Amino acid sequence: MEKYIDLALKEAKKAYEKDEVPIGAVIVKDGVVISKAHNLKEKNCSVTKHAELIAIERACKKLKNWRLDGCDIYVTLEPCPMCASAIQQARIQSVYYGVGCGNSETSAIVEKIFHTVDRNKPVAEIVNCENAQCKDLLQKYFKEKRSTNL
């Protein structure tokens, strides 16, 4: 688990270097990395260019299937509701994230999405890895943003 969070962190650092919110995602199936991505919202002027959504899109293309059964996703930050819905709809089995979003209301919504039973099965496992490096990178980014906007 830790090695995949580390790969997601490398992706987050790429986002940081591009002045994007430093979030990275990695999708793994049977121990093989299927896709990697980082946030590209600013570069693409698109609200949907979250790391998770880009990684899902790439994984679907690679596997030639929108169903990502048997896949796990590793993300540096707890997914937002939009990404949680995409993860659940893609049938990803497990979610591992480096740090929680810090908002209990948002976390509750995400949990509800992950456990929704509709046409797809709910996400089987959700794990907060409590990775200090993920937290530190996000805090550094936002601290720098706040100091430049004063």
C-alpha atoms as a PDB file:
ATOM      1  CA  MET A   1       0.000   0.000   0.000  1.00  0.00           C
ATOM      2  CA  GLU A   2       2.738   2.454   0.964  1.00  0.00           C
ATOM      3  CA  LYS A   3       4.590   2.132  -2.347  1.00  0.00           C
ATOM      4  CA  TYR A   4       1.453   3.111  -4.269  1.00  0.00           C
ATOM      5  CA  ILE A   5       0.780   6.094  -2.009  1.00  0.00           C
ATOM      6  CA  ASP A   6       4.407   7.089  -2.668  1.00  0.00           C
ATOM      7  CA  LEU A   7       3.741   6.900  -6.435  1.00  0.00           C
ATOM      8  CA  ALA A   8       0.641   9.052  -5.973  1.00  0.00           C
ATOM      9  CA  LEU A   9       2.781  11.499  -3.997  1.00  0.00           C
ATOM     10  CA  LYS A  10       5.227  11.698  -6.932  1.00  0.00           C
ATOM     11  CA  GLU A  11       2.272  12.624  -9.130  1.00  0.00           C
ATOM     12  CA  ALA A  12       1.168  15.240  -6.584  1.00  0.00           C
ATOM     13  CA  LYS A  13       4.640  16.765  -6.706  1.00  0.00           C
ATOM     14  CA  LYS A  14       4.289  17.096 -10.497  1.00  0.00           C
ATOM     15  CA  ALA A  15       1.067  19.032  -9.915  1.00  0.00           C
ATOM     16  CA  TYR A  16       2.811  21.209  -7.334  1.00  0.00           C
ATOM     17  CA  GLU A  17       5.562  22.042  -9.843  1.00  0.00           C
ATOM     18  CA  LYS A  18       2.849  23.168 -12.286  1.00  0.00           C
ATOM     19  CA  ASP A  19       1.205  25.365  -9.632  1.00  0.00           C
ATOM     20  CA  GLU A  20      -1.749  22.971  -9.399  1.00  0.00           C
ATOM     21  CA  VAL A  21      -3.236  21.766  -6.125  1.00  0.00           C
ATOM     22  CA  PRO A  22      -0.828  18.898  -5.368  1.00  0.00           C
ATOM     23  CA  ILE A  23      -2.998  15.827  -5.621  1.00  0.00           C
ATOM     24  CA  GLY A  24      -1.925  12.620  -7.304  1.00  0.00           C
ATOM     25  CA  ALA A  25      -3.689   9.348  -8.037  1.00  0.00           C
ATOM     26  CA  VAL A  26      -2.578   5.857  -9.025  1.00  0.00           C
ATOM     27  CA  ILE A  27      -4.793   2.956 -10.114  1.00  0.00           C
ATOM     28  CA  VAL A  28      -3.533  -0.586  -9.541  1.00  0.00           C
ATOM     29  CA  LYS A  29      -4.878  -3.949 -10.676  1.00  0.00           C
ATOM     30  CA  ASP A  30      -3.370  -7.226  -9.504  1.00  0.00           C
ATOM     31  CA  GLY A  31      -0.270  -5.411  -8.247  1.00  0.00           C
ATOM     32  CA  VAL A  32       0.334  -3.644 -11.571  1.00  0.00           C
ATOM     33  CA  VAL A  33       0.059   0.137 -11.976  1.00  0.00           C
ATOM     34  CA  ILE A  34      -2.570   0.728 -14.662  1.00  0.00           C
ATOM     35  CA  SER A  35      -2.560   4.545 -14.621  1.00  0.00           C
ATOM     36  CA  LYS A  36      -1.160   7.586 -12.837  1.00  0.00           C
ATOM     37  CA  ALA A  37      -2.298  11.200 -12.887  1.00  0.00           C
ATOM     38  CA  HIS A  38      -2.185  14.522 -11.100  1.00  0.00           C
ATOM     39  CA  ASN A  39      -4.442  17.556 -10.976  1.00  0.00           C
ATOM     40  CA  LEU A  40      -4.593  19.609 -14.178  1.00  0.00           C
ATOM     41  CA  LYS A  41      -7.522  21.930 -13.461  1.00  0.00           C
ATOM     42  CA  GLU A  42      -5.575  25.157 -13.960  1.00  0.00           C
ATOM     43  CA  LYS A  43      -3.660  24.018 -17.038  1.00  0.00           C
ATOM     44  CA  ASN A  44      -6.804  22.771 -18.775  1.00  0.00           C
ATOM     45  CA  CYS A  45      -9.193  25.368 -17.340  1.00  0.00           C
ATOM     46  CA  SER A  46     -11.479  22.483 -16.428  1.00  0.00           C
ATOM     47  CA  VAL A  47     -13.149  21.731 -13.122  1.00  0.00           C
ATOM     48  CA  THR A  48     -13.186  18.014 -14.004  1.00  0.00           C
ATOM     49  CA  LYS A  49      -9.429  17.569 -14.366  1.00  0.00           C
ATOM     50  CA  HIS A  50      -8.988  16.098 -10.890  1.00  0.00           C
ATOM     51  CA  ALA A  51      -6.222  13.517 -10.506  1.00  0.00           C
ATOM     52  CA  GLU A  52      -8.738  10.746  -9.783  1.00  0.00           C
ATOM     53  CA  LEU A  53     -10.850  11.434 -12.875  1.00  0.00           C
ATOM     54  CA  ILE A  54      -7.834  11.599 -15.168  1.00  0.00           C
ATOM     55  CA  ALA A  55      -6.456   8.359 -13.688  1.00  0.00           C
ATOM     56  CA  ILE A  56      -9.851   6.646 -14.135  1.00  0.00           C
ATOM     57  CA  GLU A  57     -10.068   7.802 -17.747  1.00  0.00           C
ATOM     58  CA  ARG A  58      -6.563   6.525 -18.496  1.00  0.00           C
ATOM     59  CA  ALA A  59      -7.229   3.189 -16.763  1.00  0.00           C
ATOM     60  CA  CYS A  60     -10.450   2.714 -18.746  1.00  0.00           C
ATOM     61  CA  LYS A  61      -8.611   3.360 -22.014  1.00  0.00           C
ATOM     62  CA  LYS A  62      -5.799   0.990 -21.075  1.00  0.00           C
ATOM     63  CA  LEU A  63      -8.175  -1.801 -20.039  1.00  0.00           C
ATOM     64  CA  LYS A  64     -10.634  -0.951 -22.854  1.00  0.00           C
ATOM     65  CA  ASN A  65     -13.473  -1.044 -20.354  1.00  0.00           C
ATOM     66  CA  TRP A  66     -15.252   1.528 -18.196  1.00  0.00           C
ATOM     67  CA  ARG A  67     -15.644  -1.130 -15.505  1.00  0.00           C
ATOM     68  CA  LEU A  68     -12.533  -1.117 -13.338  1.00  0.00           C
ATOM     69  CA  ASP A  69     -13.463  -4.251 -11.405  1.00  0.00           C
ATOM     70  CA  GLY A  70     -10.576  -5.514  -9.298  1.00  0.00           C
ATOM     71  CA  CYS A  71      -8.798  -2.150  -9.334  1.00  0.00           C
ATOM     72  CA  ASP A  72      -7.689  -0.090  -6.354  1.00  0.00           C
ATOM     73  CA  ILE A  73      -7.055   3.650  -6.350  1.00  0.00           C
ATOM     74  CA  TYR A  74      -4.428   5.405  -4.250  1.00  0.00           C
ATOM     75  CA  VAL A  75      -4.869   9.164  -3.835  1.00  0.00           C
ATOM     76  CA  THR A  76      -2.923  11.706  -1.824  1.00  0.00           C
ATOM     77  CA  LEU A  77      -6.102  13.421  -0.565  1.00  0.00           C
ATOM     78  CA  GLU A  78      -9.505  12.009   0.307  1.00  0.00           C
ATOM     79  CA  PRO A  79     -11.614  12.195  -2.864  1.00  0.00           C
ATOM     80  CA  CYS A  80     -14.228  14.913  -3.270  1.00  0.00           C
ATOM     81  CA  PRO A  81     -17.869  13.895  -3.864  1.00  0.00           C
ATOM     82  CA  MET A  82     -17.477  14.206  -7.667  1.00  0.00           C
ATOM     83  CA  CYS A  83     -14.472  11.886  -7.695  1.00  0.00           C
ATOM     84  CA  ALA A  84     -16.044   9.539  -5.145  1.00  0.00           C
ATOM     85  CA  SER A  85     -19.026   9.114  -7.442  1.00  0.00           C
ATOM     86  CA  ALA A  86     -16.780   8.363 -10.423  1.00  0.00           C
ATOM     87  CA  ILE A  87     -14.791   5.856  -8.344  1.00  0.00           C
ATOM     88  CA  GLN A  88     -17.983   4.110  -7.273  1.00  0.00           C
ATOM     89  CA  GLN A  89     -19.455   4.178 -10.790  1.00  0.00           C
ATOM     90  CA  ALA A  90     -16.219   2.746 -12.225  1.00  0.00           C
ATOM     91  CA  ARG A  91     -16.571  -0.134  -9.758  1.00  0.00           C
ATOM     92  CA  ILE A  92     -13.169   0.412  -8.194  1.00  0.00           C
ATOM     93  CA  GLN A  93     -12.973  -1.982  -5.260  1.00  0.00           C
ATOM     94  CA  SER A  94     -10.769  -0.098  -2.784  1.00  0.00           C
ATOM     95  CA  VAL A  95      -9.721   3.473  -2.054  1.00  0.00           C
ATOM     96  CA  TYR A  96      -6.577   4.383  -0.143  1.00  0.00           C
ATOM     97  CA  TYR A  97      -5.860   8.040   0.541  1.00  0.00           C
ATOM     98  CA  GLY A  98      -2.955   9.825   2.141  1.00  0.00           C
ATOM     99  CA  VAL A  99      -4.811  12.432   4.162  1.00  0.00           C
ATOM    100  CA  GLY A 100      -8.421  13.260   4.993  1.00  0.00           C
ATOM    101  CA  CYS A 101     -10.004  16.401   3.580  1.00  0.00           C
ATOM    102  CA  GLY A 102     -10.473  17.898   7.041  1.00  0.00           C
ATOM    103  CA  ASN A 103     -14.176  18.562   6.584  1.00  0.00           C
ATOM    104  CA  SER A 104     -16.383  16.063   8.414  1.00  0.00           C
ATOM    105  CA  GLU A 105     -19.459  17.014   6.376  1.00  0.00           C
ATOM    106  CA  THR A 106     -17.670  16.351   3.078  1.00  0.00           C
ATOM    107  CA  SER A 107     -16.183  13.120   4.446  1.00  0.00           C
ATOM    108  CA  ALA A 108     -19.660  11.934   5.428  1.00  0.00           C
ATOM    109  CA  ILE A 109     -20.976  12.648   1.919  1.00  0.00           C
ATOM    110  CA  VAL A 110     -18.052  10.778   0.365  1.00  0.00           C
ATOM    111  CA  GLU A 111     -18.607   7.798   2.685  1.00  0.00           C
ATOM    112  CA  LYS A 112     -22.275   7.720   1.712  1.00  0.00           C
ATOM    113  CA  ILE A 113     -21.388   7.765  -1.989  1.00  0.00           C
ATOM    114  CA  PHE A 114     -18.865   4.957  -1.563  1.00  0.00           C
ATOM    115  CA  HIS A 115     -21.438   2.811   0.224  1.00  0.00           C
ATOM    116  CA  THR A 116     -24.340   3.506  -2.125  1.00  0.00           C
ATOM    117  CA  VAL A 117     -25.845   0.360  -3.548  1.00  0.00           C
ATOM    118  CA  ASP A 118     -27.286   1.143  -6.948  1.00  0.00           C
ATOM    119  CA  ARG A 119     -26.508  -0.725 -10.145  1.00  0.00           C
ATOM    120  CA  ASN A 120     -22.905  -0.953  -8.998  1.00  0.00           C
ATOM    121  CA  LYS A 121     -21.545  -2.538  -5.885  1.00  0.00           C
ATOM    122  CA  PRO A 122     -20.273  -0.248  -3.131  1.00  0.00           C
ATOM    123  CA  VAL A 123     -16.564   0.396  -2.671  1.00  0.00           C
ATOM    124  CA  ALA A 124     -15.343  -2.503  -0.533  1.00  0.00           C
ATOM    125  CA  GLU A 125     -12.574  -0.798   1.404  1.00  0.00           C
ATOM    126  CA  ILE A 126     -11.729   2.808   2.220  1.00  0.00           C
ATOM    127  CA  VAL A 127      -8.489   3.442   4.115  1.00  0.00           C
ATOM    128  CA  ASN A 128      -6.986   6.692   5.365  1.00  0.00           C
ATOM    129  CA  CYS A 129      -3.245   5.982   5.289  1.00  0.00           C
ATOM    130  CA  GLU A 130      -2.470   9.133   7.319  1.00  0.00           C
ATOM    131  CA  ASN A 131       0.629   9.908   5.289  1.00  0.00           C
ATOM    132  CA  ALA A 132       2.543  12.888   6.707  1.00  0.00           C
ATOM    133  CA  GLN A 133       4.220  13.687   3.377  1.00  0.00           C
ATOM    134  CA  CYS A 134       0.866  14.058   1.622  1.00  0.00           C
ATOM    135  CA  LYS A 135      -0.316  16.369   4.379  1.00  0.00           C
ATOM    136  CA  ASP A 136       2.908  18.395   4.397  1.00  0.00           C
ATOM    137  CA  LEU A 137       2.845  18.948   0.625  1.00  0.00           C
ATOM    138  CA  LEU A 138      -0.756  20.198   0.683  1.00  0.00           C
ATOM    139  CA  GLN A 139      -0.085  22.468   3.652  1.00  0.00           C
ATOM    140  CA  LYS A 140       3.036  23.876   1.979  1.00  0.00           C
ATOM    141  CA  TYR A 141       1.117  24.590  -1.221  1.00  0.00           C
ATOM    142  CA  PHE A 142      -1.734  26.424   0.507  1.00  0.00           C
ATOM    143  CA  LYS A 143       0.601  28.311   2.830  1.00  0.00           C
ATOM    144  CA  GLU A 144       2.515  29.586  -0.200  1.00  0.00           C
ATOM    145  CA  LYS A 145      -0.737  30.515  -1.958  1.00  0.00           C
ATOM    146  CA  ARG A 146      -1.984  32.456   1.051  1.00  0.00           C
ATOM    147  CA  SER A 147       1.316  34.331   1.475  1.00  0.00           C
ATOM    148  CA  THR A 148       1.390  35.395  -2.186  1.00  0.00           C
ATOM    149  CA  ASN A 149      -2.228  36.580  -2.063  1.00  0.00           C
ATOM    150  CA  LEU A 150      -1.750  38.945   0.889  1.00  0.00           C
END
